[in-house]
Amino acid sequence: MAIFDDEPKKKARPHEIGQDLSLLSLSELSERIGILRDEIARLEAELKTKSTTKSAAEALFRRE
């Protein structure tokens, strides 16, 4: 909590791994599932991009 009004307020994290879920409502749980699914999709897209880049580099430097 900010002591003075001009201090920036800390933004609450939408989800923290290992957080106690017993106090969350059904809608809060559903919202967090959506957030995590979006994050998983983002991570998978980055993984695919890096994999493609790695494969291209390996093909370029492959010596036979």
PDB file of N, CA and C in Angstrom:
ATOM      1  N   MET A   1       0.847  -1.180   0.000  1.00  0.00           N
ATOM      2  CA  MET A   1       0.000   0.000   0.000  1.00  0.00           C
ATOM      3  C   MET A   1       0.890   1.240   0.000  1.00  0.00           C
ATOM      4  N   ALA A   2       0.540   2.201  -0.824  1.00  0.00           N
ATOM      5  CA  ALA A   2       1.332   3.421  -0.934  1.00  0.00           C
ATOM      6  C   ALA A   2       1.053   4.334   0.252  1.00  0.00           C
ATOM      7  N   ILE A   3       2.111   4.891   0.811  1.00  0.00           N
ATOM      8  CA  ILE A   3       1.954   5.818   1.926  1.00  0.00           C
ATOM      9  C   ILE A   3       1.464   7.166   1.406  1.00  0.00           C
ATOM     10  N   PHE A   4       2.010   7.578   0.288  1.00  0.00           N
ATOM     11  CA  PHE A   4       1.622   8.848  -0.310  1.00  0.00           C
ATOM     12  C   PHE A   4       0.860   8.567  -1.601  1.00  0.00           C
ATOM     13  N   ASP A   5      -0.046   9.475  -1.951  1.00  0.00           N
ATOM     14  CA  ASP A   5      -0.872   9.277  -3.138  1.00  0.00           C
ATOM     15  C   ASP A   5      -0.072   9.251  -4.430  1.00  0.00           C
ATOM     16  N   ASP A   6       1.081   9.911  -4.473  1.00  0.00           N
ATOM     17  CA  ASP A   6       1.855   9.966  -5.702  1.00  0.00           C
ATOM     18  C   ASP A   6       2.772   8.757  -5.899  1.00  0.00           C
ATOM     19  N   GLU A   7       2.822   7.850  -4.917  1.00  0.00           N
ATOM     20  CA  GLU A   7       3.624   6.644  -5.065  1.00  0.00           C
ATOM     21  C   GLU A   7       2.877   5.654  -5.961  1.00  0.00           C
ATOM     22  N   PRO A   8       3.611   4.982  -6.847  1.00  0.00           N
ATOM     23  CA  PRO A   8       2.929   4.004  -7.705  1.00  0.00           C
ATOM     24  C   PRO A   8       2.413   2.833  -6.884  1.00  0.00           C
ATOM     25  N   LYS A   9       1.243   2.376  -7.245  1.00  0.00           N
ATOM     26  CA  LYS A   9       0.642   1.245  -6.548  1.00  0.00           C
ATOM     27  C   LYS A   9       1.131  -0.038  -7.192  1.00  0.00           C
ATOM     28  N   LYS A  10       1.399  -1.053  -6.394  1.00  0.00           N
ATOM     29  CA  LYS A  10       1.830  -2.331  -6.915  1.00  0.00           C
ATOM     30  C   LYS A  10       0.648  -3.028  -7.576  1.00  0.00           C
ATOM     31  N   LYS A  11       0.893  -3.539  -8.768  1.00  0.00           N
ATOM     32  CA  LYS A  11      -0.148  -4.268  -9.484  1.00  0.00           C
ATOM     33  C   LYS A  11      -0.200  -5.694  -8.947  1.00  0.00           C
ATOM     34  N   ALA A  12      -1.384  -6.159  -8.644  1.00  0.00           N
ATOM     35  CA  ALA A  12      -1.537  -7.518  -8.155  1.00  0.00           C
ATOM     36  C   ALA A  12      -1.228  -8.502  -9.274  1.00  0.00           C
ATOM     37  N   ARG A  13      -0.507  -9.547  -8.940  1.00  0.00           N
ATOM     38  CA  ARG A  13      -0.204 -10.574  -9.930  1.00  0.00           C
ATOM     39  C   ARG A  13      -1.458 -11.397 -10.172  1.00  0.00           C
ATOM     40  N   PRO A  14      -1.759 -11.663 -11.449  1.00  0.00           N
ATOM     41  CA  PRO A  14      -2.978 -12.411 -11.734  1.00  0.00           C
ATOM     42  C   PRO A  14      -2.921 -13.850 -11.246  1.00  0.00           C
ATOM     43  N   HIS A  15      -1.729 -14.428 -11.225  1.00  0.00           N
ATOM     44  CA  HIS A  15      -1.584 -15.791 -10.718  1.00  0.00           C
ATOM     45  C   HIS A  15      -0.144 -16.029 -10.316  1.00  0.00           C
ATOM     46  N   GLU A  16       0.015 -16.736  -9.245  1.00  0.00           N
ATOM     47  CA  GLU A  16       1.339 -17.104  -8.776  1.00  0.00           C
ATOM     48  C   GLU A  16       1.364 -18.614  -8.589  1.00  0.00           C
ATOM     49  N   ILE A  17       2.350 -19.275  -9.163  1.00  0.00           N
ATOM     50  CA  ILE A  17       2.473 -20.723  -9.059  1.00  0.00           C
ATOM     51  C   ILE A  17       2.569 -21.117  -7.587  1.00  0.00           C
ATOM     52  N   GLY A  18       1.773 -22.089  -7.191  1.00  0.00           N
ATOM     53  CA  GLY A  18       1.785 -22.579  -5.820  1.00  0.00           C
ATOM     54  C   GLY A  18       0.890 -21.802  -4.868  1.00  0.00           C
ATOM     55  N   GLN A  19       0.200 -20.807  -5.383  1.00  0.00           N
ATOM     56  CA  GLN A  19      -0.666 -19.966  -4.563  1.00  0.00           C
ATOM     57  C   GLN A  19      -1.840 -20.790  -4.012  1.00  0.00           C
ATOM     58  N   ASP A  20      -2.299 -20.452  -2.816  1.00  0.00           N
ATOM     59  CA  ASP A  20      -3.466 -21.099  -2.216  1.00  0.00           C
ATOM     60  C   ASP A  20      -4.699 -20.755  -3.039  1.00  0.00           C
ATOM     61  N   LEU A  21      -5.341 -21.768  -3.589  1.00  0.00           N
ATOM     62  CA  LEU A  21      -6.492 -21.553  -4.463  1.00  0.00           C
ATOM     63  C   LEU A  21      -7.829 -21.659  -3.722  1.00  0.00           C
ATOM     64  N   SER A  22      -7.805 -22.056  -2.478  1.00  0.00           N
ATOM     65  CA  SER A  22      -9.044 -22.316  -1.749  1.00  0.00           C
ATOM     66  C   SER A  22      -9.900 -21.065  -1.545  1.00  0.00           C
ATOM     67  N   LEU A  23      -9.298 -19.889  -1.594  1.00  0.00           N
ATOM     68  CA  LEU A  23     -10.059 -18.663  -1.358  1.00  0.00           C
ATOM     69  C   LEU A  23     -10.597 -18.028  -2.638  1.00  0.00           C
ATOM     70  N   LEU A  24     -10.319 -18.630  -3.795  1.00  0.00           N
ATOM     71  CA  LEU A  24     -10.756 -18.061  -5.071  1.00  0.00           C
ATOM     72  C   LEU A  24     -12.134 -18.562  -5.458  1.00  0.00           C
ATOM     73  N   SER A  25     -12.885 -17.695  -6.114  1.00  0.00           N
ATOM     74  CA  SER A  25     -14.216 -18.061  -6.578  1.00  0.00           C
ATOM     75  C   SER A  25     -14.108 -18.856  -7.873  1.00  0.00           C
ATOM     76  N   LEU A  26     -15.217 -19.409  -8.329  1.00  0.00           N
ATOM     77  CA  LEU A  26     -15.248 -20.146  -9.588  1.00  0.00           C
ATOM     78  C   LEU A  26     -14.830 -19.254 -10.751  1.00  0.00           C
ATOM     79  N   SER A  27     -15.320 -18.030 -10.776  1.00  0.00           N
ATOM     80  CA  SER A  27     -14.967 -17.128 -11.877  1.00  0.00           C
ATOM     81  C   SER A  27     -13.487 -16.749 -11.832  1.00  0.00           C
ATOM     82  N   GLU A  28     -12.935 -16.574 -10.644  1.00  0.00           N
ATOM     83  CA  GLU A  28     -11.505 -16.270 -10.524  1.00  0.00           C
ATOM     84  C   GLU A  28     -10.653 -17.449 -10.991  1.00  0.00           C
ATOM     85  N   LEU A  29     -11.081 -18.655 -10.642  1.00  0.00           N
ATOM     86  CA  LEU A  29     -10.359 -19.840 -11.093  1.00  0.00           C
ATOM     87  C   LEU A  29     -10.418 -19.961 -12.613  1.00  0.00           C
ATOM     88  N   SER A  30     -11.591 -19.735 -13.192  1.00  0.00           N
ATOM     89  CA  SER A  30     -11.746 -19.802 -14.651  1.00  0.00           C
ATOM     90  C   SER A  30     -10.884 -18.743 -15.332  1.00  0.00           C
ATOM     91  N   GLU A  31     -10.850 -17.551 -14.763  1.00  0.00           N
ATOM     92  CA  GLU A  31     -10.032 -16.477 -15.323  1.00  0.00           C
ATOM     93  C   GLU A  31      -8.554 -16.853 -15.303  1.00  0.00           C
ATOM     94  N   ARG A  32      -8.113 -17.425 -14.221  1.00  0.00           N
ATOM     95  CA  ARG A  32      -6.704 -17.818 -14.106  1.00  0.00           C
ATOM     96  C   ARG A  32      -6.357 -18.948 -15.069  1.00  0.00           C
ATOM     97  N   ILE A  33      -7.288 -19.868 -15.266  1.00  0.00           N
ATOM     98  CA  ILE A  33      -7.063 -20.933 -16.235  1.00  0.00           C
ATOM     99  C   ILE A  33      -6.872 -20.331 -17.618  1.00  0.00           C
ATOM    100  N   GLY A  34      -7.704 -19.356 -17.967  1.00  0.00           N
ATOM    101  CA  GLY A  34      -7.565 -18.675 -19.252  1.00  0.00           C
ATOM    102  C   GLY A  34      -6.227 -17.976 -19.391  1.00  0.00           C
ATOM    103  N   ILE A  35      -5.808 -17.298 -18.348  1.00  0.00           N
ATOM    104  CA  ILE A  35      -4.507 -16.606 -18.351  1.00  0.00           C
ATOM    105  C   ILE A  35      -3.382 -17.611 -18.566  1.00  0.00           C
ATOM    106  N   LEU A  36      -3.448 -18.724 -17.855  1.00  0.00           N
ATOM    107  CA  LEU A  36      -2.395 -19.731 -17.974  1.00  0.00           C
ATOM    108  C   LEU A  36      -2.409 -20.403 -19.346  1.00  0.00           C
ATOM    109  N   ARG A  37      -3.587 -20.646 -19.906  1.00  0.00           N
ATOM    110  CA  ARG A  37      -3.668 -21.227 -21.255  1.00  0.00           C
ATOM    111  C   ARG A  37      -3.063 -20.271 -22.286  1.00  0.00           C
ATOM    112  N   ASP A  38      -3.353 -18.994 -22.148  1.00  0.00           N
ATOM    113  CA  ASP A  38      -2.759 -17.999 -23.050  1.00  0.00           C
ATOM    114  C   ASP A  38      -1.244 -17.983 -22.923  1.00  0.00           C
ATOM    115  N   GLU A  39      -0.755 -18.090 -21.707  1.00  0.00           N
ATOM    116  CA  GLU A  39       0.690 -18.090 -21.480  1.00  0.00           C
ATOM    117  C   GLU A  39       1.328 -19.351 -22.059  1.00  0.00           C
ATOM    118  N   ILE A  40       0.664 -20.488 -21.908  1.00  0.00           N
ATOM    119  CA  ILE A  40       1.174 -21.733 -22.489  1.00  0.00           C
ATOM    120  C   ILE A  40       1.251 -21.605 -24.005  1.00  0.00           C
ATOM    121  N   ALA A  41       0.235 -21.038 -24.634  1.00  0.00           N
ATOM    122  CA  ALA A  41       0.234 -20.843 -26.088  1.00  0.00           C
ATOM    123  C   ALA A  41       1.391 -19.931 -26.496  1.00  0.00           C
ATOM    124  N   ARG A  42       1.638 -18.899 -25.736  1.00  0.00           N
ATOM    125  CA  ARG A  42       2.742 -17.972 -26.019  1.00  0.00           C
ATOM    126  C   ARG A  42       4.085 -18.690 -25.894  1.00  0.00           C
ATOM    127  N   LEU A  43       4.241 -19.491 -24.867  1.00  0.00           N
ATOM    128  CA  LEU A  43       5.475 -20.248 -24.664  1.00  0.00           C
ATOM    129  C   LEU A  43       5.688 -21.278 -25.777  1.00  0.00           C
ATOM    130  N   GLU A  44       4.612 -21.961 -26.178  1.00  0.00           N
ATOM    131  CA  GLU A  44       4.726 -22.948 -27.249  1.00  0.00           C
ATOM    132  C   GLU A  44       5.098 -22.287 -28.574  1.00  0.00           C
ATOM    133  N   ALA A  45       4.560 -21.104 -28.840  1.00  0.00           N
ATOM    134  CA  ALA A  45       4.893 -20.381 -30.065  1.00  0.00           C
ATOM    135  C   ALA A  45       6.375 -19.997 -30.062  1.00  0.00           C
ATOM    136  N   GLU A  46       6.878 -19.552 -28.933  1.00  0.00           N
ATOM    137  CA  GLU A  46       8.298 -19.193 -28.829  1.00  0.00           C
ATOM    138  C   GLU A  46       9.176 -20.428 -28.981  1.00  0.00           C
ATOM    139  N   LEU A  47       8.750 -21.532 -28.388  1.00  0.00           N
ATOM    140  CA  LEU A  47       9.486 -22.783 -28.512  1.00  0.00           C
ATOM    141  C   LEU A  47       9.565 -23.220 -29.978  1.00  0.00           C
ATOM    142  N   LYS A  48       8.469 -23.102 -30.692  1.00  0.00           N
ATOM    143  CA  LYS A  48       8.432 -23.463 -32.107  1.00  0.00           C
ATOM    144  C   LYS A  48       9.369 -22.555 -32.914  1.00  0.00           C
ATOM    145  N   THR A  49       9.337 -21.259 -32.634  1.00  0.00           N
ATOM    146  CA  THR A  49      10.215 -20.313 -33.323  1.00  0.00           C
ATOM    147  C   THR A  49      11.681 -20.657 -33.096  1.00  0.00           C
ATOM    148  N   LYS A  50      12.029 -20.918 -31.851  1.00  0.00           N
ATOM    149  CA  LYS A  50      13.425 -21.247 -31.529  1.00  0.00           C
ATOM    150  C   LYS A  50      13.835 -22.574 -32.144  1.00  0.00           C
ATOM    151  N   SER A  51      12.934 -23.526 -32.181  1.00  0.00           N
ATOM    152  CA  SER A  51      13.220 -24.824 -32.772  1.00  0.00           C
ATOM    153  C   SER A  51      13.481 -24.689 -34.266  1.00  0.00           C
ATOM    154  N   THR A  52      12.674 -23.866 -34.932  1.00  0.00           N
ATOM    155  CA  THR A  52      12.853 -23.626 -36.360  1.00  0.00           C
ATOM    156  C   THR A  52      14.201 -22.952 -36.620  1.00  0.00           C
ATOM    157  N   THR A  53      14.536 -21.988 -35.807  1.00  0.00           N
ATOM    158  CA  THR A  53      15.809 -21.281 -35.950  1.00  0.00           C
ATOM    159  C   THR A  53      16.978 -22.232 -35.720  1.00  0.00           C
ATOM    160  N   LYS A  54      16.863 -23.074 -34.718  1.00  0.00           N
ATOM    161  CA  LYS A  54      17.923 -24.025 -34.407  1.00  0.00           C
ATOM    162  C   LYS A  54      18.098 -25.011 -35.566  1.00  0.00           C
ATOM    163  N   SER A  55      16.997 -25.510 -36.105  1.00  0.00           N
ATOM    164  CA  SER A  55      17.070 -26.452 -37.220  1.00  0.00           C
ATOM    165  C   SER A  55      17.727 -25.812 -38.442  1.00  0.00           C
ATOM    166  N   ALA A  56      17.391 -24.560 -38.711  1.00  0.00           N
ATOM    167  CA  ALA A  56      17.988 -23.849 -39.850  1.00  0.00           C
ATOM    168  C   ALA A  56      19.491 -23.670 -39.638  1.00  0.00           C
ATOM    169  N   ALA A  57      19.891 -23.332 -38.423  1.00  0.00           N
ATOM    170  CA  ALA A  57      21.310 -23.155 -38.127  1.00  0.00           C
ATOM    171  C   ALA A  57      22.061 -24.480 -38.246  1.00  0.00           C
ATOM    172  N   GLU A  58      21.460 -25.539 -37.757  1.00  0.00           N
ATOM    173  CA  GLU A  58      22.105 -26.853 -37.852  1.00  0.00           C
ATOM    174  C   GLU A  58      22.259 -27.273 -39.308  1.00  0.00           C
ATOM    175  N   ALA A  59      21.252 -27.004 -40.119  1.00  0.00           N
ATOM    176  CA  ALA A  59      21.325 -27.351 -41.543  1.00  0.00           C
ATOM    177  C   ALA A  59      22.403 -26.534 -42.242  1.00  0.00           C
ATOM    178  N   LEU A  60      22.543 -25.298 -41.874  1.00  0.00           N
ATOM    179  CA  LEU A  60      23.532 -24.426 -42.488  1.00  0.00           C
ATOM    180  C   LEU A  60      24.964 -24.861 -42.160  1.00  0.00           C
ATOM    181  N   PHE A  61      25.178 -25.287 -40.930  1.00  0.00           N
ATOM    182  CA  PHE A  61      26.527 -25.614 -40.491  1.00  0.00           C
ATOM    183  C   PHE A  61      26.810 -27.116 -40.498  1.00  0.00           C
ATOM    184  N   ARG A  62      25.880 -27.894 -41.008  1.00  0.00           N
ATOM    185  CA  ARG A  62      26.073 -29.350 -41.057  1.00  0.00           C
ATOM    186  C   ARG A  62      27.213 -29.660 -42.021  1.00  0.00           C
ATOM    187  N   ARG A  63      28.122 -30.468 -41.564  1.00  0.00           N
ATOM    188  CA  ARG A  63      29.259 -30.873 -42.396  1.00  0.00           C
ATOM    189  C   ARG A  63      29.156 -32.374 -42.641  1.00  0.00           C
ATOM    190  N   GLU A  64      29.345 -32.731 -43.847  1.00  0.00           N
ATOM    191  CA  GLU A  64      29.292 -34.149 -44.179  1.00  0.00           C
ATOM    192  C   GLU A  64      30.567 -34.588 -44.818  1.00  0.00           C
TER     193      GLU A  64
END
